[in-house]
PDB file of N, CA and C in Angstrom:
ATOM      1  N   MET A   1     -14.782  -8.834 -13.279  1.00  0.00           N
ATOM      2  CA  MET A   1     -14.200 -10.054 -12.918  1.00  0.00           C
ATOM      3  C   MET A   1     -13.039  -9.485 -11.930  1.00  0.00           C
ATOM      4  N   MET A   2     -12.819 -10.207 -10.866  1.00  0.00           N
ATOM      5  CA  MET A   2     -11.838  -9.866  -9.905  1.00  0.00           C
ATOM      6  C   MET A   2     -10.487 -10.632 -10.118  1.00  0.00           C
ATOM      7  N   ALA A   3      -9.591 -10.149  -9.686  1.00  0.00           N
ATOM      8  CA  ALA A   3      -8.110 -10.813  -9.706  1.00  0.00           C
ATOM      9  C   ALA A   3      -8.047 -11.831  -8.762  1.00  0.00           C
ATOM     10  N   GLU A   4      -7.392 -12.940  -9.037  1.00  0.00           N
ATOM     11  CA  GLU A   4      -7.317 -14.031  -8.099  1.00  0.00           C
ATOM     12  C   GLU A   4      -5.826 -13.835  -7.349  1.00  0.00           C
ATOM     13  N   LEU A   5      -5.818 -14.122  -6.181  1.00  0.00           N
ATOM     14  CA  LEU A   5      -4.528 -14.119  -5.610  1.00  0.00           C
ATOM     15  C   LEU A   5      -3.650 -15.319  -5.967  1.00  0.00           C
ATOM     16  N   HIS A   6      -4.270 -16.468  -6.361  1.00  0.00           N
ATOM     17  CA  HIS A   6      -3.467 -17.586  -6.548  1.00  0.00           C
ATOM     18  C   HIS A   6      -3.487 -17.896  -8.108  1.00  0.00           C
ATOM     19  N   SER A   7      -2.972 -17.052  -8.857  1.00  0.00           N
ATOM     20  CA  SER A   7      -2.953 -17.293 -10.361  1.00  0.00           C
ATOM     21  C   SER A   7      -1.656 -17.316 -10.884  1.00  0.00           C
ATOM     22  N   SER A   8      -0.645 -17.556 -10.072  1.00  0.00           N
ATOM     23  CA  SER A   8       0.756 -17.571 -10.507  1.00  0.00           C
ATOM     24  C   SER A   8       0.970 -18.947 -11.208  1.00  0.00           C
ATOM     25  N   LYS A   9       1.715 -18.705 -12.449  1.00  0.00           N
ATOM     26  CA  LYS A   9       1.806 -19.997 -13.185  1.00  0.00           C
ATOM     27  C   LYS A   9       3.210 -20.603 -12.743  1.00  0.00           C
ATOM     28  N   ARG A  10       4.118 -20.048 -11.987  1.00  0.00           N
ATOM     29  CA  ARG A  10       5.324 -20.474 -11.543  1.00  0.00           C
ATOM     30  C   ARG A  10       5.106 -21.527 -10.494  1.00  0.00           C
ATOM     31  N   GLU A  11       5.566 -22.633 -10.728  1.00  0.00           N
ATOM     32  CA  GLU A  11       5.630 -23.849  -9.526  1.00  0.00           C
ATOM     33  C   GLU A  11       6.496 -23.426  -8.461  1.00  0.00           C
ATOM     34  N   ASP A  12       6.156 -23.742  -7.280  1.00  0.00           N
ATOM     35  CA  ASP A  12       6.981 -23.535  -6.149  1.00  0.00           C
ATOM     36  C   ASP A  12       8.076 -24.285  -6.075  1.00  0.00           C
ATOM     37  N   THR A  13       7.837 -25.399  -6.659  1.00  0.00           N
ATOM     38  CA  THR A  13       8.917 -26.578  -6.446  1.00  0.00           C
ATOM     39  C   THR A  13      10.150 -26.214  -7.534  1.00  0.00           C
ATOM     40  N   GLN A  14      10.088 -25.458  -8.604  1.00  0.00           N
ATOM     41  CA  GLN A  14      11.070 -25.315  -9.436  1.00  0.00           C
ATOM     42  C   GLN A  14      12.400 -24.228  -8.801  1.00  0.00           C
ATOM     43  N   VAL A  15      13.411 -24.579  -9.258  1.00  0.00           N
ATOM     44  CA  VAL A  15      14.620 -23.946  -8.641  1.00  0.00           C
ATOM     45  C   VAL A  15      14.471 -22.549  -9.502  1.00  0.00           C
ATOM     46  N   ILE A  16      14.883 -21.509  -8.637  1.00  0.00           N
ATOM     47  CA  ILE A  16      14.787 -20.119  -9.369  1.00  0.00           C
ATOM     48  C   ILE A  16      16.055 -19.454  -9.013  1.00  0.00           C
ATOM     49  N   THR A  17      16.691 -18.968 -10.238  1.00  0.00           N
ATOM     50  CA  THR A  17      18.043 -18.436 -10.345  1.00  0.00           C
ATOM     51  C   THR A  17      17.991 -16.989  -9.755  1.00  0.00           C
ATOM     52  N   ARG A  18      19.120 -16.268  -9.314  1.00  0.00           N
ATOM     53  CA  ARG A  18      19.242 -14.870  -9.178  1.00  0.00           C
ATOM     54  C   ARG A  18      18.659 -14.157 -10.296  1.00  0.00           C
ATOM     55  N   SER A  19      18.980 -14.310 -11.459  1.00  0.00           N
ATOM     56  CA  SER A  19      18.320 -13.536 -12.486  1.00  0.00           C
ATOM     57  C   SER A  19      16.895 -13.555 -12.633  1.00  0.00           C
ATOM     58  N   GLU A  20      16.486 -14.767 -12.410  1.00  0.00           N
ATOM     59  CA  GLU A  20      14.863 -14.982 -12.448  1.00  0.00           C
ATOM     60  C   GLU A  20      14.239 -14.207 -11.336  1.00  0.00           C
ATOM     61  N   ARG A  21      14.967 -14.145 -10.167  1.00  0.00           N
ATOM     62  CA  ARG A  21      14.508 -13.570  -8.972  1.00  0.00           C
ATOM     63  C   ARG A  21      14.386 -12.027  -9.231  1.00  0.00           C
ATOM     64  N   GLU A  22      15.400 -11.477  -9.872  1.00  0.00           N
ATOM     65  CA  GLU A  22      15.374 -10.023 -10.225  1.00  0.00           C
ATOM     66  C   GLU A  22      14.439  -9.787 -11.160  1.00  0.00           C
ATOM     67  N   LYS A  23      14.185 -10.618 -12.065  1.00  0.00           N
ATOM     68  CA  LYS A  23      13.166 -10.303 -13.094  1.00  0.00           C
ATOM     69  C   LYS A  23      11.817 -10.299 -12.437  1.00  0.00           C
ATOM     70  N   CYS A  24      11.567 -11.234 -11.460  1.00  0.00           N
ATOM     71  CA  CYS A  24      10.339 -11.232 -10.694  1.00  0.00           C
ATOM     72  C   CYS A  24      10.171  -9.925  -9.987  1.00  0.00           C
ATOM     73  N   TRP A  25      11.193  -9.499  -9.266  1.00  0.00           N
ATOM     74  CA  TRP A  25      11.138  -8.205  -8.615  1.00  0.00           C
ATOM     75  C   TRP A  25      10.762  -7.162  -9.324  1.00  0.00           C
ATOM     76  N   ILE A  26      11.382  -7.044 -10.389  1.00  0.00           N
ATOM     77  CA  ILE A  26      11.231  -5.996 -11.550  1.00  0.00           C
ATOM     78  C   ILE A  26       9.700  -5.808 -11.802  1.00  0.00           C
ATOM     79  N   ALA A  27       9.258  -7.135 -12.258  1.00  0.00           N
ATOM     80  CA  ALA A  27       7.834  -7.207 -12.551  1.00  0.00           C
ATOM     81  C   ALA A  27       6.876  -6.801 -11.361  1.00  0.00           C
ATOM     82  N   ARG A  28       7.151  -7.290 -10.358  1.00  0.00           N
ATOM     83  CA  ARG A  28       6.425  -6.821  -9.115  1.00  0.00           C
ATOM     84  C   ARG A  28       6.345  -5.354  -8.888  1.00  0.00           C
ATOM     85  N   ASP A  29       7.538  -4.673  -9.034  1.00  0.00           N
ATOM     86  CA  ASP A  29       7.672  -3.370  -8.909  1.00  0.00           C
ATOM     87  C   ASP A  29       6.780  -2.534  -9.978  1.00  0.00           C
ATOM     88  N   LYS A  30       6.864  -3.042 -11.220  1.00  0.00           N
ATOM     89  CA  LYS A  30       6.025  -2.416 -12.265  1.00  0.00           C
ATOM     90  C   LYS A  30       4.508  -2.583 -11.822  1.00  0.00           C
ATOM     91  N   TYR A  31       4.361  -3.771 -11.510  1.00  0.00           N
ATOM     92  CA  TYR A  31       2.803  -4.186 -11.160  1.00  0.00           C
ATOM     93  C   TYR A  31       2.214  -3.289 -10.148  1.00  0.00           C
ATOM     94  N   PHE A  32       3.172  -3.116  -9.069  1.00  0.00           N
ATOM     95  CA  PHE A  32       2.802  -2.184  -7.912  1.00  0.00           C
ATOM     96  C   PHE A  32       2.659  -0.635  -8.330  1.00  0.00           C
ATOM     97  N   ALA A  33       3.621  -0.294  -9.182  1.00  0.00           N
ATOM     98  CA  ALA A  33       3.599   1.069  -9.729  1.00  0.00           C
ATOM     99  C   ALA A  33       2.237   1.257 -10.494  1.00  0.00           C
ATOM    100  N   CYS A  34       1.827   0.299 -11.207  1.00  0.00           N
ATOM    101  CA  CYS A  34       0.638   0.457 -11.907  1.00  0.00           C
ATOM    102  C   CYS A  34      -0.500   0.563 -11.020  1.00  0.00           C
ATOM    103  N   LEU A  35      -0.621  -0.090  -9.905  1.00  0.00           N
ATOM    104  CA  LEU A  35      -1.726  -0.334  -8.941  1.00  0.00           C
ATOM    105  C   LEU A  35      -1.688   1.138  -8.096  1.00  0.00           C
ATOM    106  N   ASP A  36      -0.530   1.561  -7.861  1.00  0.00           N
ATOM    107  CA  ASP A  36      -0.496   3.094  -7.304  1.00  0.00           C
ATOM    108  C   ASP A  36      -1.099   4.074  -8.135  1.00  0.00           C
ATOM    109  N   LYS A  37      -0.597   3.912  -9.286  1.00  0.00           N
ATOM    110  CA  LYS A  37      -0.791   5.071 -10.392  1.00  0.00           C
ATOM    111  C   LYS A  37      -2.426   5.024 -10.565  1.00  0.00           C
ATOM    112  N   ASN A  38      -3.033   3.907 -10.401  1.00  0.00           N
ATOM    113  CA  ASN A  38      -4.568   3.779 -10.453  1.00  0.00           C
ATOM    114  C   ASN A  38      -5.148   3.853  -9.426  1.00  0.00           C
ATOM    115  N   ARG A  39      -4.650   4.097  -8.329  1.00  0.00           N
ATOM    116  CA  ARG A  39      -5.009   4.188  -6.817  1.00  0.00           C
ATOM    117  C   ARG A  39      -5.878   2.883  -6.422  1.00  0.00           C
ATOM    118  N   ILE A  40      -5.238   1.924  -6.928  1.00  0.00           N
ATOM    119  CA  ILE A  40      -5.874   0.636  -6.420  1.00  0.00           C
ATOM    120  C   ILE A  40      -5.207   0.027  -5.043  1.00  0.00           C
ATOM    121  N   MET A  41      -5.930   0.078  -4.030  1.00  0.00           N
ATOM    122  CA  MET A  41      -5.424  -0.364  -2.847  1.00  0.00           C
ATOM    123  C   MET A  41      -5.443  -1.841  -2.556  1.00  0.00           C
ATOM    124  N   SER A  42      -6.553  -2.473  -2.927  1.00  0.00           N
ATOM    125  CA  SER A  42      -6.738  -3.958  -2.715  1.00  0.00           C
ATOM    126  C   SER A  42      -6.886  -4.711  -4.125  1.00  0.00           C
ATOM    127  N   VAL A  43      -6.048  -5.701  -4.254  1.00  0.00           N
ATOM    128  CA  VAL A  43      -6.204  -6.607  -5.567  1.00  0.00           C
ATOM    129  C   VAL A  43      -7.458  -7.238  -5.484  1.00  0.00           C
ATOM    130  N   ALA A  44      -8.108  -7.458  -4.511  1.00  0.00           N
ATOM    131  CA  ALA A  44      -9.334  -8.235  -4.501  1.00  0.00           C
ATOM    132  C   ALA A  44     -10.377  -7.337  -5.138  1.00  0.00           C
ATOM    133  N   ASN A  45     -10.267  -5.995  -5.161  1.00  0.00           N
ATOM    134  CA  ASN A  45     -11.293  -5.099  -5.575  1.00  0.00           C
ATOM    135  C   ASN A  45     -10.908  -4.405  -6.908  1.00  0.00           C
ATOM    136  N   GLN A  46      -9.915  -5.068  -7.482  1.00  0.00           N
ATOM    137  CA  GLN A  46      -9.239  -4.567  -8.746  1.00  0.00           C
ATOM    138  C   GLN A  46     -10.158  -5.000 -10.034  1.00  0.00           C
ATOM    139  N   ASP A  47     -10.351  -4.045 -10.696  1.00  0.00           N
ATOM    140  CA  ASP A  47     -10.913  -4.410 -11.967  1.00  0.00           C
ATOM    141  C   ASP A  47      -9.997  -5.103 -12.816  1.00  0.00           C
ATOM    142  N   SER A  48     -10.284  -6.233 -13.369  1.00  0.00           N
ATOM    143  CA  SER A  48      -9.350  -7.173 -13.913  1.00  0.00           C
ATOM    144  C   SER A  48      -8.590  -6.622 -15.264  1.00  0.00           C
ATOM    145  N   SER A  49      -9.165  -5.864 -15.674  1.00  0.00           N
ATOM    146  CA  SER A  49      -8.457  -5.236 -16.919  1.00  0.00           C
ATOM    147  C   SER A  49      -7.418  -4.336 -16.579  1.00  0.00           C
ATOM    148  N   MET A  50      -7.465  -3.710 -15.461  1.00  0.00           N
ATOM    149  CA  MET A  50      -6.692  -2.667 -15.079  1.00  0.00           C
ATOM    150  C   MET A  50      -5.241  -3.428 -14.588  1.00  0.00           C
ATOM    151  N   CYS A  51      -3.988  -2.977 -15.147  1.00  0.00           N
ATOM    152  CA  CYS A  51      -2.861  -3.569 -14.888  1.00  0.00           C
ATOM    153  C   CYS A  51      -2.741  -5.005 -15.074  1.00  0.00           C
ATOM    154  N   ALA A  52      -3.524  -5.469 -16.344  1.00  0.00           N
ATOM    155  CA  ALA A  52      -3.410  -6.880 -16.456  1.00  0.00           C
ATOM    156  C   ALA A  52      -2.202  -7.471 -17.072  1.00  0.00           C
ATOM    157  N   ASN A  53      -1.675  -6.514 -17.939  1.00  0.00           N
ATOM    158  CA  ASN A  53      -0.156  -7.012 -18.576  1.00  0.00           C
ATOM    159  C   ASN A  53       0.810  -7.048 -17.454  1.00  0.00           C
ATOM    160  N   GLU A  54       0.838  -5.975 -16.460  1.00  0.00           N
ATOM    161  CA  GLU A  54       1.768  -6.206 -15.483  1.00  0.00           C
ATOM    162  C   GLU A  54       1.510  -7.414 -14.502  1.00  0.00           C
ATOM    163  N   ARG A  55       0.328  -7.637 -14.233  1.00  0.00           N
ATOM    164  CA  ARG A  55      -0.160  -8.792 -13.409  1.00  0.00           C
ATOM    165  C   ARG A  55       0.243 -10.210 -13.990  1.00  0.00           C
ATOM    166  N   SER A  56       0.192 -10.198 -15.330  1.00  0.00           N
ATOM    167  CA  SER A  56       0.402 -11.392 -16.118  1.00  0.00           C
ATOM    168  C   SER A  56       2.007 -11.695 -15.988  1.00  0.00           C
ATOM    169  N   ASP A  57       2.902 -10.439 -16.183  1.00  0.00           N
ATOM    170  CA  ASP A  57       4.315 -10.641 -16.013  1.00  0.00           C
ATOM    171  C   ASP A  57       4.639 -11.187 -14.582  1.00  0.00           C
ATOM    172  N   VAL A  58       3.986 -10.528 -13.595  1.00  0.00           N
ATOM    173  CA  VAL A  58       4.382 -11.171 -12.257  1.00  0.00           C
ATOM    174  C   VAL A  58       3.871 -12.626 -12.078  1.00  0.00           C
ATOM    175  N   ASP A  59       2.752 -12.962 -12.457  1.00  0.00           N
ATOM    176  CA  ASP A  59       2.329 -14.353 -12.456  1.00  0.00           C
ATOM    177  C   ASP A  59       3.228 -15.383 -13.294  1.00  0.00           C
ATOM    178  N   SER A  60       3.876 -14.986 -14.344  1.00  0.00           N
ATOM    179  CA  SER A  60       4.717 -15.736 -15.095  1.00  0.00           C
ATOM    180  C   SER A  60       6.157 -15.776 -14.655  1.00  0.00           C
ATOM    181  N   LEU A  61       6.498 -14.787 -13.967  1.00  0.00           N
ATOM    182  CA  LEU A  61       7.909 -14.669 -13.570  1.00  0.00           C
ATOM    183  C   LEU A  61       8.153 -14.947 -12.108  1.00  0.00           C
ATOM    184  N   CYS A  62       7.174 -14.959 -11.315  1.00  0.00           N
ATOM    185  CA  CYS A  62       7.366 -15.251  -9.893  1.00  0.00           C
ATOM    186  C   CYS A  62       6.623 -16.469  -9.290  1.00  0.00           C
ATOM    187  N   ARG A  63       7.162 -17.008  -8.272  1.00  0.00           N
ATOM    188  CA  ARG A  63       6.612 -18.271  -7.648  1.00  0.00           C
ATOM    189  C   ARG A  63       5.190 -17.697  -6.970  1.00  0.00           C
ATOM    190  N   GLN A  64       4.242 -18.656  -7.033  1.00  0.00           N
ATOM    191  CA  GLN A  64       2.905 -18.312  -6.683  1.00  0.00           C
ATOM    192  C   GLN A  64       3.148 -17.741  -5.114  1.00  0.00           C
ATOM    193  N   SER A  65       3.662 -18.494  -4.248  1.00  0.00           N
ATOM    194  CA  SER A  65       3.820 -18.283  -2.874  1.00  0.00           C
ATOM    195  C   SER A  65       4.370 -16.725  -2.766  1.00  0.00           C
ATOM    196  N   TRP A  66       5.109 -16.339  -3.617  1.00  0.00           N
ATOM    197  CA  TRP A  66       5.792 -14.856  -3.627  1.00  0.00           C
ATOM    198  C   TRP A  66       4.735 -13.911  -3.975  1.00  0.00           C
ATOM    199  N   VAL A  67       4.101 -14.282  -5.078  1.00  0.00           N
ATOM    200  CA  VAL A  67       3.026 -13.309  -5.511  1.00  0.00           C
ATOM    201  C   VAL A  67       2.138 -13.034  -4.386  1.00  0.00           C
ATOM    202  N   ASP A  68       1.483 -14.225  -3.827  1.00  0.00           N
ATOM    203  CA  ASP A  68       0.518 -13.882  -2.621  1.00  0.00           C
ATOM    204  C   ASP A  68       1.109 -13.017  -1.470  1.00  0.00           C
ATOM    205  N   TYR A  69       2.486 -13.437  -1.239  1.00  0.00           N
ATOM    206  CA  TYR A  69       3.161 -12.615  -0.201  1.00  0.00           C
ATOM    207  C   TYR A  69       3.426 -11.354  -0.474  1.00  0.00           C
ATOM    208  N   PHE A  70       3.714 -10.833  -1.701  1.00  0.00           N
ATOM    209  CA  PHE A  70       4.027  -9.634  -2.186  1.00  0.00           C
ATOM    210  C   PHE A  70       2.699  -8.787  -2.102  1.00  0.00           C
ATOM    211  N   ILE A  71       1.757  -9.441  -2.539  1.00  0.00           N
ATOM    212  CA  ILE A  71       0.433  -8.547  -2.447  1.00  0.00           C
ATOM    213  C   ILE A  71      -0.159  -8.491  -1.099  1.00  0.00           C
ATOM    214  N   GLN A  72      -0.073  -9.479  -0.097  1.00  0.00           N
ATOM    215  CA  GLN A  72      -0.487  -9.351   1.165  1.00  0.00           C
ATOM    216  C   GLN A  72       0.328  -8.252   1.866  1.00  0.00           C
ATOM    217  N   ARG A  73       1.842  -8.231   1.754  1.00  0.00           N
ATOM    218  CA  ARG A  73       2.483  -7.176   2.228  1.00  0.00           C
ATOM    219  C   ARG A  73       2.300  -5.896   1.844  1.00  0.00           C
ATOM    220  N   ARG A  74       2.032  -5.584   0.359  1.00  0.00           N
ATOM    221  CA  ARG A  74       1.840  -4.432   0.150  1.00  0.00           C
ATOM    222  C   ARG A  74       0.403  -3.896   0.699  1.00  0.00           C
ATOM    223  N   GLU A  75      -0.545  -4.630   0.673  1.00  0.00           N
ATOM    224  CA  GLU A  75      -1.756  -4.046   1.164  1.00  0.00           C
ATOM    225  C   GLU A  75      -1.654  -4.046   2.683  1.00  0.00           C
ATOM    226  N   ARG A  76      -0.963  -4.808   3.387  1.00  0.00           N
ATOM    227  CA  ARG A  76      -0.690  -4.499   4.918  1.00  0.00           C
ATOM    228  C   ARG A  76       0.000  -3.176   5.111  1.00  0.00           C
ATOM    229  N   THR A  77       0.938  -2.951   4.271  1.00  0.00           N
ATOM    230  CA  THR A  77       1.873  -1.684   4.382  1.00  0.00           C
ATOM    231  C   THR A  77       0.863  -0.524   4.191  1.00  0.00           C
ATOM    232  N   LEU A  78       0.099  -0.616   3.237  1.00  0.00           N
ATOM    233  CA  LEU A  78      -0.883   0.470   2.993  1.00  0.00           C
ATOM    234  C   LEU A  78      -1.746   0.696   4.017  1.00  0.00           C
ATOM    235  N   GLN A  79      -2.271  -0.278   4.504  1.00  0.00           N
ATOM    236  CA  GLN A  79      -3.268  -0.027   5.740  1.00  0.00           C
ATOM    237  C   GLN A  79      -2.414   0.554   6.881  1.00  0.00           C
ATOM    238  N   ILE A  80      -1.221   0.107   7.205  1.00  0.00           N
ATOM    239  CA  ILE A  80      -0.418   0.711   8.310  1.00  0.00           C
ATOM    240  C   ILE A  80      -0.039   2.299   7.986  1.00  0.00           C
ATOM    241  N   ASP A  81       0.217   2.446   6.817  1.00  0.00           N
ATOM    242  CA  ASP A  81       0.678   3.823   6.383  1.00  0.00           C
ATOM    243  C   ASP A  81      -0.790   4.802   6.488  1.00  0.00           C
ATOM    244  N   ALA A  82      -1.891   4.100   6.228  1.00  0.00           N
ATOM    245  CA  ALA A  82      -3.147   4.881   6.319  1.00  0.00           C
ATOM    246  C   ALA A  82      -3.420   5.262   7.726  1.00  0.00           C
ATOM    247  N   MET A  83      -3.256   4.284   8.644  1.00  0.00           N
ATOM    248  CA  MET A  83      -3.512   4.483  10.186  1.00  0.00           C
ATOM    249  C   MET A  83      -2.451   5.439  10.729  1.00  0.00           C
ATOM    250  N   LYS A  84      -1.127   5.410  10.220  1.00  0.00           N
ATOM    251  CA  LYS A  84      -0.360   6.378  10.820  1.00  0.00           C
ATOM    252  C   LYS A  84      -0.763   7.741  10.308  1.00  0.00           C
ATOM    253  N   ARG A  85      -1.153   7.841   9.086  1.00  0.00           N
ATOM    254  CA  ARG A  85      -1.523   9.351   8.693  1.00  0.00           C
ATOM    255  C   ARG A  85      -2.755   9.836   9.423  1.00  0.00           C
ATOM    256  N   PHE A  86      -3.670   8.873   9.774  1.00  0.00           N
ATOM    257  CA  PHE A  86      -4.712   9.201  10.473  1.00  0.00           C
ATOM    258  C   PHE A  86      -4.325   9.768  11.879  1.00  0.00           C
ATOM    259  N   ARG A  87      -3.570   8.954  12.557  1.00  0.00           N
ATOM    260  CA  ARG A  87      -3.108   9.277  13.849  1.00  0.00           C
ATOM    261  C   ARG A  87      -2.364  10.509  13.809  1.00  0.00           C
ATOM    262  N   THR A  88      -1.562  10.753  12.856  1.00  0.00           N
ATOM    263  CA  THR A  88      -0.740  11.991  12.938  1.00  0.00           C
ATOM    264  C   THR A  88      -1.661  13.120  12.653  1.00  0.00           C
ATOM    265  N   GLN A  89      -2.752  12.950  11.944  1.00  0.00           N
ATOM    266  CA  GLN A  89      -3.831  13.925  11.842  1.00  0.00           C
ATOM    267  C   GLN A  89      -4.442  14.270  13.111  1.00  0.00           C
ATOM    268  N   GLN A  90      -4.826  13.311  13.821  1.00  0.00           N
ATOM    269  CA  GLN A  90      -5.414  13.270  15.123  1.00  0.00           C
ATOM    270  C   GLN A  90      -4.495  14.300  16.082  1.00  0.00           C
ATOM    271  N   ALA A  91      -3.270  13.691  16.018  1.00  0.00           N
ATOM    272  CA  ALA A  91      -2.409  14.426  16.956  1.00  0.00           C
ATOM    273  C   ALA A  91      -2.282  15.945  16.860  1.00  0.00           C
ATOM    274  N   HIS A  92      -2.240  16.181  15.308  1.00  0.00           N
ATOM    275  CA  HIS A  92      -2.111  17.686  14.978  1.00  0.00           C
ATOM    276  C   HIS A  92      -3.439  18.353  15.332  1.00  0.00           C
ATOM    277  N   ASP A  93      -4.589  17.813  15.118  1.00  0.00           N
ATOM    278  CA  ASP A  93      -5.911  18.179  15.517  1.00  0.00           C
ATOM    279  C   ASP A  93      -5.778  18.529  17.078  1.00  0.00           C
ATOM    280  N   GLU A  94      -5.460  17.664  17.758  1.00  0.00           N
ATOM    281  CA  GLU A  94      -5.443  17.862  19.308  1.00  0.00           C
ATOM    282  C   GLU A  94      -4.532  18.943  19.645  1.00  0.00           C
ATOM    283  N   LEU A  95      -3.413  18.937  18.962  1.00  0.00           N
ATOM    284  CA  LEU A  95      -2.331  20.035  19.372  1.00  0.00           C
ATOM    285  C   LEU A  95      -2.986  21.427  19.018  1.00  0.00           C
ATOM    286  N   ASP A  96      -3.613  21.615  17.785  1.00  0.00           N
ATOM    287  CA  ASP A  96      -4.146  22.676  17.384  1.00  0.00           C
ATOM    288  C   ASP A  96      -5.159  23.364  18.486  1.00  0.00           C
ATOM    289  N   ALA A  97      -6.047  22.265  18.883  1.00  0.00           N
ATOM    290  CA  ALA A  97      -7.191  22.577  19.866  1.00  0.00           C
ATOM    291  C   ALA A  97      -6.541  23.150  21.201  1.00  0.00           C
ATOM    292  N   ARG A  98      -5.425  22.474  21.655  1.00  0.00           N
ATOM    293  CA  ARG A  98      -4.728  22.717  22.864  1.00  0.00           C
ATOM    294  C   ARG A  98      -4.195  24.187  22.675  1.00  0.00           C
ATOM    295  N   GLU A  99      -3.628  24.431  21.614  1.00  0.00           N
ATOM    296  CA  GLU A  99      -2.777  25.657  21.417  1.00  0.00           C
ATOM    297  C   GLU A  99      -3.983  26.731  21.330  1.00  0.00           C
ATOM    298  N   ALA A 100      -5.217  26.513  20.790  1.00  0.00           N
ATOM    299  CA  ALA A 100      -6.258  27.482  20.645  1.00  0.00           C
ATOM    300  C   ALA A 100      -6.857  27.806  22.240  1.00  0.00           C
ATOM    301  N   THR A 101      -6.827  26.798  22.945  1.00  0.00           N
ATOM    302  CA  THR A 101      -7.213  26.961  24.193  1.00  0.00           C
ATOM    303  C   THR A 101      -6.346  27.675  25.099  1.00  0.00           C
ATOM    304  N   SER A 102      -5.122  27.384  24.966  1.00  0.00           N
ATOM    305  CA  SER A 102      -3.970  28.200  25.596  1.00  0.00           C
ATOM    306  C   SER A 102      -4.009  29.659  25.197  1.00  0.00           C
ATOM    307  N   ARG A 103      -4.198  29.900  24.001  1.00  0.00           N
ATOM    308  CA  ARG A 103      -4.192  31.326  23.479  1.00  0.00           C
ATOM    309  C   ARG A 103      -5.481  32.081  24.032  1.00  0.00           C
ATOM    310  N   GLU A 104      -6.553  31.327  24.073  1.00  0.00           N
ATOM    311  CA  GLU A 104      -7.692  31.979  24.715  1.00  0.00           C
ATOM    312  C   GLU A 104      -7.558  32.235  26.075  1.00  0.00           C
ATOM    313  N   GLU A 105      -6.868  31.285  26.904  1.00  0.00           N
ATOM    314  CA  GLU A 105      -6.643  31.466  28.349  1.00  0.00           C
ATOM    315  C   GLU A 105      -5.717  32.573  28.510  1.00  0.00           C
ATOM    316  N   LEU A 106      -4.659  32.731  27.784  1.00  0.00           N
ATOM    317  CA  LEU A 106      -3.657  33.831  27.885  1.00  0.00           C
ATOM    318  C   LEU A 106      -4.429  35.279  27.729  1.00  0.00           C
ATOM    319  N   ARG A 107      -5.117  35.081  26.489  1.00  0.00           N
ATOM    320  CA  ARG A 107      -5.945  36.320  26.151  1.00  0.00           C
ATOM    321  C   ARG A 107      -6.882  36.829  27.283  1.00  0.00           C
ATOM    322  N   ASN A 108      -7.607  35.894  27.916  1.00  0.00           N
ATOM    323  CA  ASN A 108      -8.529  36.130  29.146  1.00  0.00           C
ATOM    324  C   ASN A 108      -7.759  36.654  30.214  1.00  0.00           C
ATOM    325  N   LYS A 109      -6.487  36.131  30.403  1.00  0.00           N
ATOM    326  CA  LYS A 109      -5.726  36.629  31.672  1.00  0.00           C
ATOM    327  C   LYS A 109      -5.250  38.001  31.660  1.00  0.00           C
ATOM    328  N   PHE A 110      -4.676  38.153  30.431  1.00  0.00           N
ATOM    329  CA  PHE A 110      -4.062  39.451  30.127  1.00  0.00           C
ATOM    330  C   PHE A 110      -4.880  40.738  29.571  1.00  0.00           C
ATOM    331  N   VAL A 111      -5.812  40.383  29.029  1.00  0.00           N
ATOM    332  CA  VAL A 111      -6.674  41.287  28.279  1.00  0.00           C
ATOM    333  C   VAL A 111      -7.933  41.963  29.048  1.00  0.00           C
ATOM    334  N   LYS A 112      -7.942  43.034  29.435  1.00  0.00           N
ATOM    335  CA  LYS A 112      -9.033  43.411  30.392  1.00  0.00           C
ATOM    336  C   LYS A 112     -10.411  43.580  29.536  1.00  0.00           C
ATOM    337  N   ARG A 113     -11.324  43.111  29.986  1.00  0.00           N
ATOM    338  CA  ARG A 113     -12.670  43.384  29.305  1.00  0.00           C
ATOM    339  C   ARG A 113     -13.492  44.425  29.844  1.00  0.00           C
TER     340      ARG A 113
END
């Protein structure tokens, strides 16, 4: 069973105090730590039993719109980080290839055959 994005029990029309916001953020951080620990990148692909307690806390302590925003922001941030790592690795690979070519050119120029 897949987790739903819109499962927060908290109504968006309720006034939320500073203390309640802090509890929400703590619950969010614990939920995301659980997702990270279990290497869950996307909530849509999550096994519903994994991190269920943490998700329940988020749903009960946070506004629904916040839950949706937190999840979308986390997933987007993970995608951006993955793209940055890929591009960095590509740049390193290109640099290694250029250095190897330069070394070979120098070797050919100065070493008699």
